[in-house]
C-alpha atoms as a PDB file:
ATOM      1  CA  SER A   1       0.000   0.000   0.000  1.00  0.00           C
ATOM      2  CA  VAL A   2       1.009   3.647  -0.275  1.00  0.00           C
ATOM      3  CA  GLN A   3       1.190   4.000   3.510  1.00  0.00           C
ATOM      4  CA  GLU A   4       3.549   1.010   3.779  1.00  0.00           C
ATOM      5  CA  PHE A   5       5.745   2.382   0.965  1.00  0.00           C
ATOM      6  CA  MET A   6       5.942   5.791   2.661  1.00  0.00           C
ATOM      7  CA  THR A   7       6.706   4.346   6.102  1.00  0.00           C
ATOM      8  CA  PHE A   8       9.336   1.875   4.872  1.00  0.00           C
ATOM      9  CA  THR A   9      11.040   4.369   2.558  1.00  0.00           C
ATOM     10  CA  SER A  10      11.078   7.119   5.197  1.00  0.00           C
ATOM     11  CA  GLN A  11      12.612   4.850   7.828  1.00  0.00           C
ATOM     12  CA  LEU A  12      15.235   3.536   5.426  1.00  0.00           C
ATOM     13  CA  ILE A  13      16.283   6.978   4.198  1.00  0.00           C
ATOM     14  CA  ALA A  14      16.406   8.445   7.704  1.00  0.00           C
ATOM     15  CA  GLU A  15      18.473   5.541   9.046  1.00  0.00           C
ATOM     16  CA  ARG A  16      20.992   5.888   6.204  1.00  0.00           C
ATOM     17  CA  SER A  17      21.418   9.644   6.628  1.00  0.00           C
ATOM     18  CA  ALA A  18      24.117  11.213   8.772  1.00  0.00           C
ATOM     19  CA  LEU A  19      23.352  13.483  11.708  1.00  0.00           C
ATOM     20  CA  GLY A  20      23.011  17.100  10.617  1.00  0.00           C
ATOM     21  CA  SER A  21      22.341  16.203   6.997  1.00  0.00           C
ATOM     22  CA  ARG A  22      19.736  17.076   4.409  1.00  0.00           C
ATOM     23  CA  ALA A  23      19.230  15.072   1.244  1.00  0.00           C
ATOM     24  CA  SER A  24      16.755  14.468  -1.539  1.00  0.00           C
ATOM     25  CA  VAL A  25      16.456  10.905  -2.809  1.00  0.00           C
ATOM     26  CA  LYS A  26      14.484   9.765  -5.846  1.00  0.00           C
ATOM     27  CA  GLU A  27      12.275   6.759  -5.128  1.00  0.00           C
ATOM     28  CA  GLN A  28       9.933   5.559  -7.853  1.00  0.00           C
ATOM     29  CA  GLU A  29       8.147   8.675  -9.151  1.00  0.00           C
ATOM     30  CA  TYR A  30       8.709  10.642  -5.937  1.00  0.00           C
ATOM     31  CA  LEU A  31      11.421  12.717  -4.330  1.00  0.00           C
ATOM     32  CA  CYS A  32      11.995  11.957  -0.661  1.00  0.00           C
ATOM     33  CA  HIS A  33      13.471  14.905   1.222  1.00  0.00           C
ATOM     34  CA  VAL A  34      15.086  13.981   4.533  1.00  0.00           C
ATOM     35  CA  TYR A  35      16.477  16.150   7.289  1.00  0.00           C
ATOM     36  CA  VAL A  36      18.285  14.535  10.230  1.00  0.00           C
ATOM     37  CA  ARG A  37      19.088  17.011  12.959  1.00  0.00           C
ATOM     38  CA  ASN A  38      22.250  16.825  15.049  1.00  0.00           C
ATOM     39  CA  ASP A  39      20.159  15.595  17.986  1.00  0.00           C
ATOM     40  CA  GLY A  40      18.969  12.587  15.939  1.00  0.00           C
ATOM     41  CA  LEU A  41      15.417  13.785  15.283  1.00  0.00           C
ATOM     42  CA  ALA A  42      14.564  13.164  11.632  1.00  0.00           C
ATOM     43  CA  GLY A  43      11.766  14.012   9.249  1.00  0.00           C
ATOM     44  CA  VAL A  44      10.925  13.038   5.688  1.00  0.00           C
ATOM     45  CA  VAL A  45       8.730  14.768   3.119  1.00  0.00           C
ATOM     46  CA  ILE A  46       7.652  12.700   0.133  1.00  0.00           C
ATOM     47  CA  ALA A  47       6.649  14.891  -2.806  1.00  0.00           C
ATOM     48  CA  ASP A  48       6.407  14.804  -6.565  1.00  0.00           C
ATOM     49  CA  ASN A  49       9.280  16.107  -8.669  1.00  0.00           C
ATOM     50  CA  GLU A  50       7.605  19.469  -9.234  1.00  0.00           C
ATOM     51  CA  TYR A  51       7.196  20.435  -5.570  1.00  0.00           C
ATOM     52  CA  PRO A  52       9.994  22.889  -4.641  1.00  0.00           C
ATOM     53  CA  GLN A  53      12.821  21.298  -2.665  1.00  0.00           C
ATOM     54  CA  ARG A  54      13.399  24.511  -0.678  1.00  0.00           C
ATOM     55  CA  VAL A  55       9.799  24.443   0.549  1.00  0.00           C
ATOM     56  CA  CYS A  56      10.143  20.802   1.660  1.00  0.00           C
ATOM     57  CA  PHE A  57      13.143  21.640   3.820  1.00  0.00           C
ATOM     58  CA  THR A  58      11.389  24.733   5.230  1.00  0.00           C
ATOM     59  CA  LEU A  59       8.476  22.494   6.233  1.00  0.00           C
ATOM     60  CA  LEU A  60      10.835  19.957   7.812  1.00  0.00           C
ATOM     61  CA  ASP A  61      12.593  22.710   9.799  1.00  0.00           C
ATOM     62  CA  LYS A  62       9.301  24.034  11.153  1.00  0.00           C
ATOM     63  CA  VAL A  63       7.801  20.649  11.994  1.00  0.00           C
ATOM     64  CA  LEU A  64      10.925  19.247  13.662  1.00  0.00           C
ATOM     65  CA  ASP A  65      11.496  22.432  15.688  1.00  0.00           C
ATOM     66  CA  GLU A  66       7.927  22.491  16.936  1.00  0.00           C
ATOM     67  CA  PHE A  67       7.853  18.734  17.559  1.00  0.00           C
ATOM     68  CA  SER A  68      11.051  18.940  19.627  1.00  0.00           C
ATOM     69  CA  ARG A  69       9.515  21.689  21.781  1.00  0.00           C
ATOM     70  CA  GLN A  70       6.257  19.791  22.364  1.00  0.00           C
ATOM     71  CA  VAL A  71       7.461  16.207  22.756  1.00  0.00           C
ATOM     72  CA  SER A  72      10.013  15.069  25.333  1.00  0.00           C
ATOM     73  CA  LYS A  73      13.295  13.864  23.851  1.00  0.00           C
ATOM     74  CA  MET A  74      12.952  10.723  25.990  1.00  0.00           C
ATOM     75  CA  ASP A  75       9.886   9.748  23.947  1.00  0.00           C
ATOM     76  CA  TRP A  76      11.490  10.117  20.500  1.00  0.00           C
ATOM     77  CA  PRO A  77      13.179   6.701  20.154  1.00  0.00           C
ATOM     78  CA  SER A  78      10.217   4.588  21.226  1.00  0.00           C
ATOM     79  CA  GLY A  79       7.372   6.874  20.170  1.00  0.00           C
ATOM     80  CA  SER A  80       4.741   6.149  17.564  1.00  0.00           C
ATOM     81  CA  PRO A  81       1.579   7.900  16.357  1.00  0.00           C
ATOM     82  CA  ALA A  82      -0.296   5.823  18.935  1.00  0.00           C
ATOM     83  CA  THR A  83       1.842   7.011  21.860  1.00  0.00           C
ATOM     84  CA  ILE A  84       2.801  10.590  20.888  1.00  0.00           C
ATOM     85  CA  SER A  85       0.277  13.324  20.309  1.00  0.00           C
ATOM     86  CA  TYR A  86       1.451  15.956  17.833  1.00  0.00           C
ATOM     87  CA  SER A  87      -1.653  17.547  16.370  1.00  0.00           C
ATOM     88  CA  ALA A  88       0.141  20.447  14.630  1.00  0.00           C
ATOM     89  CA  LEU A  89       1.284  18.144  11.829  1.00  0.00           C
ATOM     90  CA  ASP A  90      -2.192  18.053  10.262  1.00  0.00           C
ATOM     91  CA  GLY A  91      -2.225  21.842   9.947  1.00  0.00           C
ATOM     92  CA  TYR A  92       1.195  21.890   8.312  1.00  0.00           C
ATOM     93  CA  LEU A  93       0.230  19.146   5.874  1.00  0.00           C
ATOM     94  CA  SER A  94      -2.946  20.993   4.900  1.00  0.00           C
ATOM     95  CA  LYS A  95      -1.049  24.259   4.426  1.00  0.00           C
ATOM     96  CA  TYR A  96       1.752  22.731   2.341  1.00  0.00           C
ATOM     97  CA  GLN A  97      -0.119  19.913   0.581  1.00  0.00           C
ATOM     98  CA  VAL A  98      -0.981  21.287  -2.841  1.00  0.00           C
ATOM     99  CA  HIS A  99       0.444  24.766  -3.262  1.00  0.00           C
ATOM    100  CA  PRO A 100       3.450  25.870  -1.251  1.00  0.00           C
ATOM    101  CA  PRO A 101       2.916  29.021   0.820  1.00  0.00           C
END
């Protein structure tokens, strides 16, 4: 399924990326933009080839900064959507989904 593809690909790309790095990786017809902060927190945006790369990394910066302020660092390694509440993500996804701001 699409969800399984996104989850697997995101985990794989994040695990293979160095701390403090940003990268864009082509996977099938998508570009996967990954940002791994120096503290180990990582995020991935999966977008089509036409979505601006700069906007993807702006979104990742905002989401990871806010997430790190709202969620305890102790919860990052073992957390999942079932155990961590981060409701701001839906707003960001709606704002950035079709047309970048």
